[in-house]
Amino acid sequence: GNLYWDASGRPIDFAGMTFEQWQATGKDAGSRVADPLF
């Protein structure tokens, strides 16, 4: 259930994986990659 965002525009590296690959391992269920809009 975490929200991740890299404001530099780079794709985020999830331990050598894309976010989709990362979630496919069972990690970060309910999490998202999105601008939190501070």
Full PDB file with SEQRES, HELIX, SHEET, SSBOND, CRYST1, ORIGX, SCALE, CONECT and MASTER records, all heavy atoms in Angstrom:
SEQRES   1 A   38  GLY ASN LEU TYR TRP ASP ALA SER GLY ARG PRO ILE ASP          
SEQRES   2 A   38  PHE ALA GLY MET THR PHE GLU GLN TRP GLN ALA THR GLY          
SEQRES   3 A   38  LYS ASP ALA GLY SER ARG VAL ALA ASP PRO LEU PHE              
HELIX    1 AA1 PHE A   19  ALA A   24  1                                   6    
SHEET    1 AA1 2 LEU A   3  TYR A   4  0                                        
SHEET    2 AA1 2 ARG A  32  VAL A  33  1                                        
CRYST1    1.000    1.000    1.000  90.00  90.00  90.00 P 1           1          
ORIGX1      1.000000  0.000000  0.000000        0.00000                         
ORIGX2      0.000000  1.000000  0.000000        0.00000                         
ORIGX3      0.000000  0.000000  1.000000        0.00000                         
SCALE1      1.000000  0.000000  0.000000        0.00000                         
SCALE2      0.000000  1.000000  0.000000        0.00000                         
SCALE3      0.000000  0.000000  1.000000        0.00000                         
ATOM      1  N   GLY A   1       0.771  -1.231   0.000  1.00  0.00           N  
ATOM      2  CA  GLY A   1       0.000   0.000   0.000  1.00  0.00           C  
ATOM      3  C   GLY A   1       0.801   1.280   0.000  1.00  0.00           C  
ATOM      4  O   GLY A   1       0.320   2.312   0.480  1.00  0.00           O  
ATOM      5  N   ASN A   2       2.013   1.260  -0.549  1.00  0.00           N  
ATOM      6  CA  ASN A   2       2.849   2.460  -0.582  1.00  0.00           C  
ATOM      7  C   ASN A   2       2.698   3.187  -1.910  1.00  0.00           C  
ATOM      8  O   ASN A   2       2.360   2.592  -2.939  1.00  0.00           O  
ATOM      9  CB  ASN A   2       4.316   2.077  -0.365  1.00  0.00           C  
ATOM     10  CG  ASN A   2       4.535   1.385   0.963  1.00  0.00           C  
ATOM     11  OD1 ASN A   2       4.350   1.981   2.019  1.00  0.00           O  
ATOM     12  ND2 ASN A   2       4.921   0.117   0.918  1.00  0.00           N  
ATOM     13  N   LEU A   3       2.983   4.483  -1.893  1.00  0.00           N  
ATOM     14  CA  LEU A   3       2.951   5.307  -3.098  1.00  0.00           C  
ATOM     15  C   LEU A   3       4.358   5.811  -3.370  1.00  0.00           C  
ATOM     16  O   LEU A   3       4.977   6.449  -2.509  1.00  0.00           O  
ATOM     17  CB  LEU A   3       1.997   6.487  -2.915  1.00  0.00           C  
ATOM     18  CG  LEU A   3       1.828   7.430  -4.118  1.00  0.00           C  
ATOM     19  CD1 LEU A   3       1.246   6.690  -5.319  1.00  0.00           C  
ATOM     20  CD2 LEU A   3       0.955   8.621  -3.754  1.00  0.00           C  
ATOM     21  N   TYR A   4       4.878   5.509  -4.571  1.00  0.00           N  
ATOM     22  CA  TYR A   4       6.251   5.867  -4.937  1.00  0.00           C  
ATOM     23  C   TYR A   4       6.229   6.861  -6.097  1.00  0.00           C  
ATOM     24  O   TYR A   4       5.439   6.725  -7.036  1.00  0.00           O  
ATOM     25  CB  TYR A   4       7.022   4.619  -5.376  1.00  0.00           C  
ATOM     26  CG  TYR A   4       7.072   3.502  -4.364  1.00  0.00           C  
ATOM     27  CD1 TYR A   4       6.201   2.410  -4.453  1.00  0.00           C  
ATOM     28  CD2 TYR A   4       8.005   3.506  -3.333  1.00  0.00           C  
ATOM     29  CE1 TYR A   4       6.258   1.365  -3.536  1.00  0.00           C  
ATOM     30  CE2 TYR A   4       8.063   2.464  -2.408  1.00  0.00           C  
ATOM     31  CZ  TYR A   4       7.185   1.401  -2.525  1.00  0.00           C  
ATOM     32  OH  TYR A   4       7.240   0.370  -1.615  1.00  0.00           O  
ATOM     33  N   TRP A   5       7.164   7.821  -6.056  1.00  0.00           N  
ATOM     34  CA  TRP A   5       7.273   8.743  -7.176  1.00  0.00           C  
ATOM     35  C   TRP A   5       8.674   9.325  -7.255  1.00  0.00           C  
ATOM     36  O   TRP A   5       9.212   9.820  -6.264  1.00  0.00           O  
ATOM     37  CB  TRP A   5       6.268   9.884  -7.058  1.00  0.00           C  
ATOM     38  CG  TRP A   5       6.213  10.765  -8.279  1.00  0.00           C  
ATOM     39  CD1 TRP A   5       6.578  12.073  -8.358  1.00  0.00           C  
ATOM     40  CD2 TRP A   5       5.782  10.390  -9.591  1.00  0.00           C  
ATOM     41  NE1 TRP A   5       6.395  12.550  -9.633  1.00  0.00           N  
ATOM     42  CE2 TRP A   5       5.904  11.533 -10.421  1.00  0.00           C  
ATOM     43  CE3 TRP A   5       5.309   9.201 -10.144  1.00  0.00           C  
ATOM     44  CZ2 TRP A   5       5.572  11.511 -11.769  1.00  0.00           C  
ATOM     45  CZ3 TRP A   5       4.971   9.193 -11.487  1.00  0.00           C  
ATOM     46  CH2 TRP A   5       5.106  10.333 -12.279  1.00  0.00           C  
ATOM     47  N   ASP A   6       9.263   9.231  -8.464  1.00  0.00           N  
ATOM     48  CA  ASP A   6      10.541   9.869  -8.758  1.00  0.00           C  
ATOM     49  C   ASP A   6      10.240  11.108  -9.590  1.00  0.00           C  
ATOM     50  O   ASP A   6       9.874  11.021 -10.765  1.00  0.00           O  
ATOM     51  CB  ASP A   6      11.455   8.906  -9.518  1.00  0.00           C  
ATOM     52  CG  ASP A   6      12.856   9.474  -9.725  1.00  0.00           C  
ATOM     53  OD1 ASP A   6      13.018  10.709  -9.666  1.00  0.00           O  
ATOM     54  OD2 ASP A   6      13.790   8.696  -9.960  1.00  0.00           O  
ATOM     55  N   ALA A   7      10.386  12.279  -8.967  1.00  0.00           N  
ATOM     56  CA  ALA A   7      10.023  13.537  -9.624  1.00  0.00           C  
ATOM     57  C   ALA A   7      10.975  13.909 -10.745  1.00  0.00           C  
ATOM     58  O   ALA A   7      10.688  14.827 -11.516  1.00  0.00           O  
ATOM     59  CB  ALA A   7       9.971  14.656  -8.588  1.00  0.00           C  
ATOM     60  N   SER A   8      12.114  13.207 -10.865  1.00  0.00           N  
ATOM     61  CA  SER A   8      13.039  13.507 -11.955  1.00  0.00           C  
ATOM     62  C   SER A   8      12.561  12.929 -13.281  1.00  0.00           C  
ATOM     63  O   SER A   8      13.124  13.247 -14.327  1.00  0.00           O  
ATOM     64  CB  SER A   8      14.430  12.946 -11.629  1.00  0.00           C  
ATOM     65  OG  SER A   8      14.436  11.526 -11.717  1.00  0.00           O  
ATOM     66  N   GLY A   9      11.565  12.071 -13.234  1.00  0.00           N  
ATOM     67  CA  GLY A   9      11.050  11.465 -14.459  1.00  0.00           C  
ATOM     68  C   GLY A   9      11.681  10.124 -14.802  1.00  0.00           C  
ATOM     69  O   GLY A   9      11.285   9.488 -15.777  1.00  0.00           O  
ATOM     70  N   ARG A  10      12.641   9.676 -14.021  1.00  0.00           N  
ATOM     71  CA  ARG A  10      13.269   8.385 -14.282  1.00  0.00           C  
ATOM     72  C   ARG A  10      12.317   7.248 -13.900  1.00  0.00           C  
ATOM     73  O   ARG A  10      11.545   7.377 -12.939  1.00  0.00           O  
ATOM     74  CB  ARG A  10      14.547   8.230 -13.459  1.00  0.00           C  
ATOM     75  CG  ARG A  10      15.608   9.282 -13.679  1.00  0.00           C  
ATOM     76  CD  ARG A  10      16.726   9.106 -12.649  1.00  0.00           C  
ATOM     77  NE  ARG A  10      16.222   9.261 -11.289  1.00  0.00           N  
ATOM     78  CZ  ARG A  10      16.920   8.996 -10.190  1.00  0.00           C  
ATOM     79  NH1 ARG A  10      18.166   8.547 -10.293  1.00  0.00           N  
ATOM     80  NH2 ARG A  10      16.394   9.172  -8.998  1.00  0.00           N  
ATOM     81  N   PRO A  11      12.389   6.116 -14.595  1.00  0.00           N  
ATOM     82  CA  PRO A  11      11.662   4.942 -14.106  1.00  0.00           C  
ATOM     83  C   PRO A  11      12.306   4.462 -12.811  1.00  0.00           C  
ATOM     84  O   PRO A  11      13.532   4.461 -12.676  1.00  0.00           O  
ATOM     85  CB  PRO A  11      11.825   3.923 -15.234  1.00  0.00           C  
ATOM     86  CG  PRO A  11      13.047   4.358 -15.980  1.00  0.00           C  
ATOM     87  CD  PRO A  11      13.095   5.844 -15.878  1.00  0.00           C  
ATOM     88  N   ILE A  12      11.503   4.072 -11.867  1.00  0.00           N  
ATOM     89  CA  ILE A  12      12.022   3.652 -10.566  1.00  0.00           C  
ATOM     90  C   ILE A  12      12.514   2.211 -10.651  1.00  0.00           C  
ATOM     91  O   ILE A  12      11.833   1.336 -11.175  1.00  0.00           O  
ATOM     92  CB  ILE A  12      10.946   3.782  -9.477  1.00  0.00           C  
ATOM     93  CG1 ILE A  12      10.492   5.240  -9.357  1.00  0.00           C  
ATOM     94  CG2 ILE A  12      11.483   3.296  -8.127  1.00  0.00           C  
ATOM     95  CD1 ILE A  12       9.361   5.448  -8.359  1.00  0.00           C  
ATOM     96  N   ASP A  13      13.700   1.992 -10.123  1.00  0.00           N  
ATOM     97  CA  ASP A  13      14.297   0.661 -10.075  1.00  0.00           C  
ATOM     98  C   ASP A  13      13.871  -0.018  -8.776  1.00  0.00           C  
ATOM     99  O   ASP A  13      14.242   0.409  -7.682  1.00  0.00           O  
ATOM    100  CB  ASP A  13      15.822   0.788 -10.134  1.00  0.00           C  
ATOM    101  CG  ASP A  13      16.538  -0.561 -10.151  1.00  0.00           C  
ATOM    102  OD1 ASP A  13      16.010  -1.524  -9.570  1.00  0.00           O  
ATOM    103  OD2 ASP A  13      17.623  -0.633 -10.742  1.00  0.00           O  
ATOM    104  N   PHE A  14      13.066  -1.079  -8.886  1.00  0.00           N  
ATOM    105  CA  PHE A  14      12.635  -1.851  -7.732  1.00  0.00           C  
ATOM    106  C   PHE A  14      13.527  -3.097  -7.613  1.00  0.00           C  
ATOM    107  O   PHE A  14      13.181  -4.165  -8.102  1.00  0.00           O  
ATOM    108  CB  PHE A  14      11.168  -2.240  -7.855  1.00  0.00           C  
ATOM    109  CG  PHE A  14      10.215  -1.096  -7.655  1.00  0.00           C  
ATOM    110  CD1 PHE A  14       9.867  -0.265  -8.720  1.00  0.00           C  
ATOM    111  CD2 PHE A  14       9.684  -0.838  -6.409  1.00  0.00           C  
ATOM    112  CE1 PHE A  14       8.988   0.791  -8.542  1.00  0.00           C  
ATOM    113  CE2 PHE A  14       8.806   0.229  -6.217  1.00  0.00           C  
ATOM    114  CZ  PHE A  14       8.457   1.055  -7.286  1.00  0.00           C  
ATOM    115  N   ALA A  15      14.693  -2.907  -7.005  1.00  0.00           N  
ATOM    116  CA  ALA A  15      15.631  -4.011  -6.810  1.00  0.00           C  
ATOM    117  C   ALA A  15      15.925  -4.736  -8.113  1.00  0.00           C  
ATOM    118  O   ALA A  15      15.911  -5.965  -8.188  1.00  0.00           O  
ATOM    119  CB  ALA A  15      15.094  -4.981  -5.764  1.00  0.00           C  
ATOM    120  N   GLY A  16      16.209  -3.942  -9.167  1.00  0.00           N  
ATOM    121  CA  GLY A  16      16.538  -4.518 -10.466  1.00  0.00           C  
ATOM    122  C   GLY A  16      15.337  -4.901 -11.306  1.00  0.00           C  
ATOM    123  O   GLY A  16      15.505  -5.516 -12.371  1.00  0.00           O  
ATOM    124  N   MET A  17      14.144  -4.542 -10.888  1.00  0.00           N  
ATOM    125  CA  MET A  17      12.926  -4.896 -11.610  1.00  0.00           C  
ATOM    126  C   MET A  17      12.087  -3.666 -11.913  1.00  0.00           C  
ATOM    127  O   MET A  17      12.220  -2.627 -11.250  1.00  0.00           O  
ATOM    128  CB  MET A  17      12.084  -5.874 -10.773  1.00  0.00           C  
ATOM    129  CG  MET A  17      12.718  -7.213 -10.508  1.00  0.00           C  
ATOM    130  SD  MET A  17      11.656  -8.219  -9.443  1.00  0.00           S  
ATOM    131  CE  MET A  17      12.727  -8.405  -8.024  1.00  0.00           C  
ATOM    132  N   THR A  18      11.204  -3.805 -12.889  1.00  0.00           N  
ATOM    133  CA  THR A  18      10.165  -2.811 -13.079  1.00  0.00           C  
ATOM    134  C   THR A  18       9.135  -2.984 -11.960  1.00  0.00           C  
ATOM    135  O   THR A  18       9.111  -3.996 -11.255  1.00  0.00           O  
ATOM    136  CB  THR A  18       9.479  -2.979 -14.436  1.00  0.00           C  
ATOM    137  OG1 THR A  18       8.771  -4.227 -14.444  1.00  0.00           O  
ATOM    138  CG2 THR A  18      10.495  -2.952 -15.571  1.00  0.00           C  
ATOM    139  N   PHE A  19       8.255  -2.000 -11.833  1.00  0.00           N  
ATOM    140  CA  PHE A  19       7.242  -2.098 -10.794  1.00  0.00           C  
ATOM    141  C   PHE A  19       6.321  -3.299 -11.032  1.00  0.00           C  
ATOM    142  O   PHE A  19       5.941  -4.006 -10.087  1.00  0.00           O  
ATOM    143  CB  PHE A  19       6.430  -0.809 -10.740  1.00  0.00           C  
ATOM    144  CG  PHE A  19       5.419  -0.775  -9.628  1.00  0.00           C  
ATOM    145  CD1 PHE A  19       5.814  -0.942  -8.309  1.00  0.00           C  
ATOM    146  CD2 PHE A  19       4.073  -0.582  -9.895  1.00  0.00           C  
ATOM    147  CE1 PHE A  19       4.886  -0.914  -7.270  1.00  0.00           C  
ATOM    148  CE2 PHE A  19       3.133  -0.553  -8.869  1.00  0.00           C  
ATOM    149  CZ  PHE A  19       3.550  -0.708  -7.559  1.00  0.00           C  
ATOM    150  N   GLU A  20       6.004  -3.552 -12.293  1.00  0.00           N  
ATOM    151  CA  GLU A  20       5.133  -4.687 -12.615  1.00  0.00           C  
ATOM    152  C   GLU A  20       5.816  -5.999 -12.256  1.00  0.00           C  
ATOM    153  O   GLU A  20       5.202  -6.905 -11.671  1.00  0.00           O  
ATOM    154  CB  GLU A  20       4.757  -4.660 -14.094  1.00  0.00           C  
ATOM    155  CG  GLU A  20       3.848  -3.508 -14.501  1.00  0.00           C  
ATOM    156  CD  GLU A  20       4.560  -2.166 -14.532  1.00  0.00           C  
ATOM    157  OE1 GLU A  20       5.820  -2.141 -14.622  1.00  0.00           O  
ATOM    158  OE2 GLU A  20       3.864  -1.128 -14.460  1.00  0.00           O  
ATOM    159  N   GLN A  21       7.093  -6.122 -12.581  1.00  0.00           N  
ATOM    160  CA  GLN A  21       7.832  -7.333 -12.221  1.00  0.00           C  
ATOM    161  C   GLN A  21       7.936  -7.485 -10.699  1.00  0.00           C  
ATOM    162  O   GLN A  21       7.833  -8.589 -10.164  1.00  0.00           O  
ATOM    163  CB  GLN A  21       9.237  -7.293 -12.843  1.00  0.00           C  
ATOM    164  CG  GLN A  21       9.250  -7.393 -14.359  1.00  0.00           C  
ATOM    165  CD  GLN A  21      10.619  -7.082 -14.947  1.00  0.00           C  
ATOM    166  OE1 GLN A  21      11.413  -6.336 -14.356  1.00  0.00           O  
ATOM    167  NE2 GLN A  21      10.895  -7.637 -16.119  1.00  0.00           N  
ATOM    168  N   TRP A  22       8.155  -6.359 -10.038  1.00  0.00           N  
ATOM    169  CA  TRP A  22       8.268  -6.348  -8.584  1.00  0.00           C  
ATOM    170  C   TRP A  22       6.974  -6.851  -7.930  1.00  0.00           C  
ATOM    171  O   TRP A  22       6.995  -7.722  -7.058  1.00  0.00           O  
ATOM    172  CB  TRP A  22       8.589  -4.928  -8.150  1.00  0.00           C  
ATOM    173  CG  TRP A  22       8.676  -4.640  -6.691  1.00  0.00           C  
ATOM    174  CD1 TRP A  22       7.813  -3.879  -5.962  1.00  0.00           C  
ATOM    175  CD2 TRP A  22       9.697  -5.056  -5.773  1.00  0.00           C  
ATOM    176  NE1 TRP A  22       8.226  -3.788  -4.652  1.00  0.00           N  
ATOM    177  CE2 TRP A  22       9.376  -4.503  -4.514  1.00  0.00           C  
ATOM    178  CE3 TRP A  22      10.839  -5.830  -5.895  1.00  0.00           C  
ATOM    179  CZ2 TRP A  22      10.161  -4.713  -3.378  1.00  0.00           C  
ATOM    180  CZ3 TRP A  22      11.628  -6.043  -4.774  1.00  0.00           C  
ATOM    181  CH2 TRP A  22      11.289  -5.498  -3.528  1.00  0.00           C  
ATOM    182  N   GLN A  23       5.846  -6.325  -8.389  1.00  0.00           N  
ATOM    183  CA  GLN A  23       4.577  -6.763  -7.817  1.00  0.00           C  
ATOM    184  C   GLN A  23       4.279  -8.223  -8.147  1.00  0.00           C  
ATOM    185  O   GLN A  23       3.624  -8.919  -7.359  1.00  0.00           O  
ATOM    186  CB  GLN A  23       3.436  -5.866  -8.296  1.00  0.00           C  
ATOM    187  CG  GLN A  23       3.407  -4.506  -7.615  1.00  0.00           C  
ATOM    188  CD  GLN A  23       2.119  -3.755  -7.886  1.00  0.00           C  
ATOM    189  OE1 GLN A  23       1.706  -3.626  -9.042  1.00  0.00           O  
ATOM    190  NE2 GLN A  23       1.487  -3.256  -6.840  1.00  0.00           N  
ATOM    191  N   ALA A  24       4.761  -8.690  -9.284  1.00  0.00           N  
ATOM    192  CA  ALA A  24       4.534 -10.082  -9.668  1.00  0.00           C  
ATOM    193  C   ALA A  24       5.219 -11.055  -8.711  1.00  0.00           C  
ATOM    194  O   ALA A  24       4.827 -12.224  -8.623  1.00  0.00           O  
ATOM    195  CB  ALA A  24       5.023 -10.324 -11.092  1.00  0.00           C  
ATOM    196  N   THR A  25       6.232 -10.585  -7.975  1.00  0.00           N  
ATOM    197  CA  THR A  25       6.887 -11.444  -6.984  1.00  0.00           C  
ATOM    198  C   THR A  25       6.109 -11.505  -5.680  1.00  0.00           C  
ATOM    199  O   THR A  25       6.500 -12.232  -4.763  1.00  0.00           O  
ATOM    200  CB  THR A  25       8.312 -10.929  -6.686  1.00  0.00           C  
ATOM    201  OG1 THR A  25       8.240  -9.677  -5.970  1.00  0.00           O  
ATOM    202  CG2 THR A  25       9.115 -10.760  -7.956  1.00  0.00           C  
ATOM    203  N   GLY A  26       5.042 -10.713  -5.587  1.00  0.00           N  
ATOM    204  CA  GLY A  26       4.251 -10.666  -4.363  1.00  0.00           C  
ATOM    205  C   GLY A  26       4.531  -9.457  -3.495  1.00  0.00           C  
ATOM    206  O   GLY A  26       3.915  -9.285  -2.436  1.00  0.00           O  
ATOM    207  N   LYS A  27       5.438  -8.613  -3.944  1.00  0.00           N  
ATOM    208  CA  LYS A  27       5.784  -7.420  -3.183  1.00  0.00           C  
ATOM    209  C   LYS A  27       4.822  -6.269  -3.485  1.00  0.00           C  
ATOM    210  O   LYS A  27       4.303  -6.128  -4.588  1.00  0.00           O  
ATOM    211  CB  LYS A  27       7.214  -6.973  -3.510  1.00  0.00           C  
ATOM    212  CG  LYS A  27       8.306  -7.914  -3.026  1.00  0.00           C  
ATOM    213  CD  LYS A  27       8.457  -7.864  -1.526  1.00  0.00           C  
ATOM    214  CE  LYS A  27       9.674  -8.659  -1.059  1.00  0.00           C  
ATOM    215  NZ  LYS A  27       9.803  -8.637   0.407  1.00  0.00           N  
ATOM    216  N   ASP A  28       4.628  -5.408  -2.489  1.00  0.00           N  
ATOM    217  CA  ASP A  28       3.910  -4.145  -2.652  1.00  0.00           C  
ATOM    218  C   ASP A  28       2.496  -4.322  -3.190  1.00  0.00           C  
ATOM    219  O   ASP A  28       2.043  -3.597  -4.084  1.00  0.00           O  
ATOM    220  CB  ASP A  28       4.716  -3.188  -3.544  1.00  0.00           C  
ATOM    221  CG  ASP A  28       5.545  -2.208  -2.722  1.00  0.00           C  
ATOM    222  OD1 ASP A  28       4.995  -1.618  -1.780  1.00  0.00           O  
ATOM    223  OD2 ASP A  28       6.749  -2.059  -3.006  1.00  0.00           O  
ATOM    224  N   ALA A  29       1.766  -5.260  -2.629  1.00  0.00           N  
ATOM    225  CA  ALA A  29       0.350  -5.391  -2.985  1.00  0.00           C  
ATOM    226  C   ALA A  29      -0.378  -4.109  -2.611  1.00  0.00           C  
ATOM    227  O   ALA A  29      -0.204  -3.565  -1.518  1.00  0.00           O  
ATOM    228  CB  ALA A  29      -0.258  -6.574  -2.245  1.00  0.00           C  
ATOM    229  N   GLY A  30      -1.167  -3.597  -3.539  1.00  0.00           N  
ATOM    230  CA  GLY A  30      -1.915  -2.372  -3.293  1.00  0.00           C  
ATOM    231  C   GLY A  30      -1.108  -1.107  -3.413  1.00  0.00           C  
ATOM    232  O   GLY A  30      -1.641  -0.010  -3.168  1.00  0.00           O  
ATOM    233  N   SER A  31       0.161  -1.204  -3.777  1.00  0.00           N  
ATOM    234  CA  SER A  31       0.996  -0.004  -3.950  1.00  0.00           C  
ATOM    235  C   SER A  31       0.849   0.547  -5.360  1.00  0.00           C  
ATOM    236  O   SER A  31       0.378  -0.128  -6.277  1.00  0.00           O  
ATOM    237  CB  SER A  31       2.459  -0.340  -3.655  1.00  0.00           C  
ATOM    238  OG  SER A  31       2.634  -0.743  -2.316  1.00  0.00           O  
ATOM    239  N   ARG A  32       1.304   1.800  -5.520  1.00  0.00           N  
ATOM    240  CA  ARG A  32       1.230   2.455  -6.826  1.00  0.00           C  
ATOM    241  C   ARG A  32       2.484   3.280  -7.072  1.00  0.00           C  
ATOM    242  O   ARG A  32       3.184   3.683  -6.123  1.00  0.00           O  
ATOM    243  CB  ARG A  32       0.011   3.383  -6.919  1.00  0.00           C  
ATOM    244  CG  ARG A  32      -1.343   2.716  -6.942  1.00  0.00           C  
ATOM    245  CD  ARG A  32      -2.441   3.752  -7.085  1.00  0.00           C  
ATOM    246  NE  ARG A  32      -2.281   4.541  -8.309  1.00  0.00           N  
ATOM    247  CZ  ARG A  32      -3.050   5.603  -8.616  1.00  0.00           C  
ATOM    248  NH1 ARG A  32      -3.988   6.021  -7.770  1.00  0.00           N  
ATOM    249  NH2 ARG A  32      -2.852   6.257  -9.755  1.00  0.00           N  
ATOM    250  N   VAL A  33       2.741   3.543  -8.356  1.00  0.00           N  
ATOM    251  CA  VAL A  33       3.728   4.539  -8.757  1.00  0.00           C  
ATOM    252  C   VAL A  33       2.955   5.691  -9.361  1.00  0.00           C  
ATOM    253  O   VAL A  33       2.350   5.564 -10.428  1.00  0.00           O  
ATOM    254  CB  VAL A  33       4.733   3.965  -9.772  1.00  0.00           C  
ATOM    255  CG1 VAL A  33       5.659   5.069 -10.279  1.00  0.00           C  
ATOM    256  CG2 VAL A  33       5.549   2.842  -9.147  1.00  0.00           C  
ATOM    257  N   ALA A  34       2.920   6.829  -8.648  1.00  0.00           N  
ATOM    258  CA  ALA A  34       2.148   7.987  -9.113  1.00  0.00           C  
ATOM    259  C   ALA A  34       2.584   9.211  -8.334  1.00  0.00           C  
ATOM    260  O   ALA A  34       3.075   9.116  -7.198  1.00  0.00           O  
ATOM    261  CB  ALA A  34       0.645   7.752  -8.933  1.00  0.00           C  
ATOM    262  N   ASP A  35       2.400  10.378  -8.931  1.00  0.00           N  
ATOM    263  CA  ASP A  35       2.702  11.641  -8.278  1.00  0.00           C  
ATOM    264  C   ASP A  35       1.705  11.845  -7.133  1.00  0.00           C  
ATOM    265  O   ASP A  35       0.488  11.851  -7.364  1.00  0.00           O  
ATOM    266  CB  ASP A  35       2.580  12.783  -9.285  1.00  0.00           C  
ATOM    267  CG  ASP A  35       3.076  14.109  -8.742  1.00  0.00           C  
ATOM    268  OD1 ASP A  35       3.169  14.264  -7.507  1.00  0.00           O  
ATOM    269  OD2 ASP A  35       3.361  15.004  -9.560  1.00  0.00           O  
ATOM    270  N   PRO A  36       2.173  12.010  -5.898  1.00  0.00           N  
ATOM    271  CA  PRO A  36       1.238  12.183  -4.779  1.00  0.00           C  
ATOM    272  C   PRO A  36       0.539  13.537  -4.778  1.00  0.00           C  
ATOM    273  O   PRO A  36      -0.397  13.746  -4.003  1.00  0.00           O  
ATOM    274  CB  PRO A  36       2.128  12.035  -3.550  1.00  0.00           C  
ATOM    275  CG  PRO A  36       3.487  12.417  -4.019  1.00  0.00           C  
ATOM    276  CD  PRO A  36       3.571  11.959  -5.449  1.00  0.00           C  
ATOM    277  N   LEU A  37       1.004  14.449  -5.629  1.00  0.00           N  
ATOM    278  CA  LEU A  37       0.412  15.785  -5.730  1.00  0.00           C  
ATOM    279  C   LEU A  37       0.517  16.553  -4.413  1.00  0.00           C  
ATOM    280  O   LEU A  37      -0.461  17.011  -3.832  1.00  0.00           O  
ATOM    281  CB  LEU A  37      -1.041  15.699  -6.194  1.00  0.00           C  
ATOM    282  CG  LEU A  37      -1.270  15.057  -7.575  1.00  0.00           C  
ATOM    283  CD1 LEU A  37      -2.748  15.029  -7.917  1.00  0.00           C  
ATOM    284  CD2 LEU A  37      -0.484  15.806  -8.654  1.00  0.00           C  
ATOM    285  N   PHE A  38       1.759  16.704  -3.961  1.00  0.00           N  
ATOM    286  CA  PHE A  38       2.012  17.645  -2.872  1.00  0.00           C  
ATOM    287  C   PHE A  38       1.748  19.058  -3.372  1.00  0.00           C  
ATOM    288  O   PHE A  38       1.888  19.352  -4.566  1.00  0.00           O  
ATOM    289  CB  PHE A  38       3.451  17.531  -2.387  1.00  0.00           C  
ATOM    290  CG  PHE A  38       3.779  16.241  -1.686  1.00  0.00           C  
ATOM    291  CD1 PHE A  38       4.843  15.449  -2.108  1.00  0.00           C  
ATOM    292  CD2 PHE A  38       3.032  15.819  -0.597  1.00  0.00           C  
ATOM    293  CE1 PHE A  38       5.163  14.276  -1.451  1.00  0.00           C  
ATOM    294  CE2 PHE A  38       3.343  14.634   0.065  1.00  0.00           C  
ATOM    295  CZ  PHE A  38       4.397  13.854  -0.374  1.00  0.00           C  
TER     296      PHE A  38                                                      
MASTER        0    0    0    1    2    0    0    6  295    1    0    3          
END                                                                             
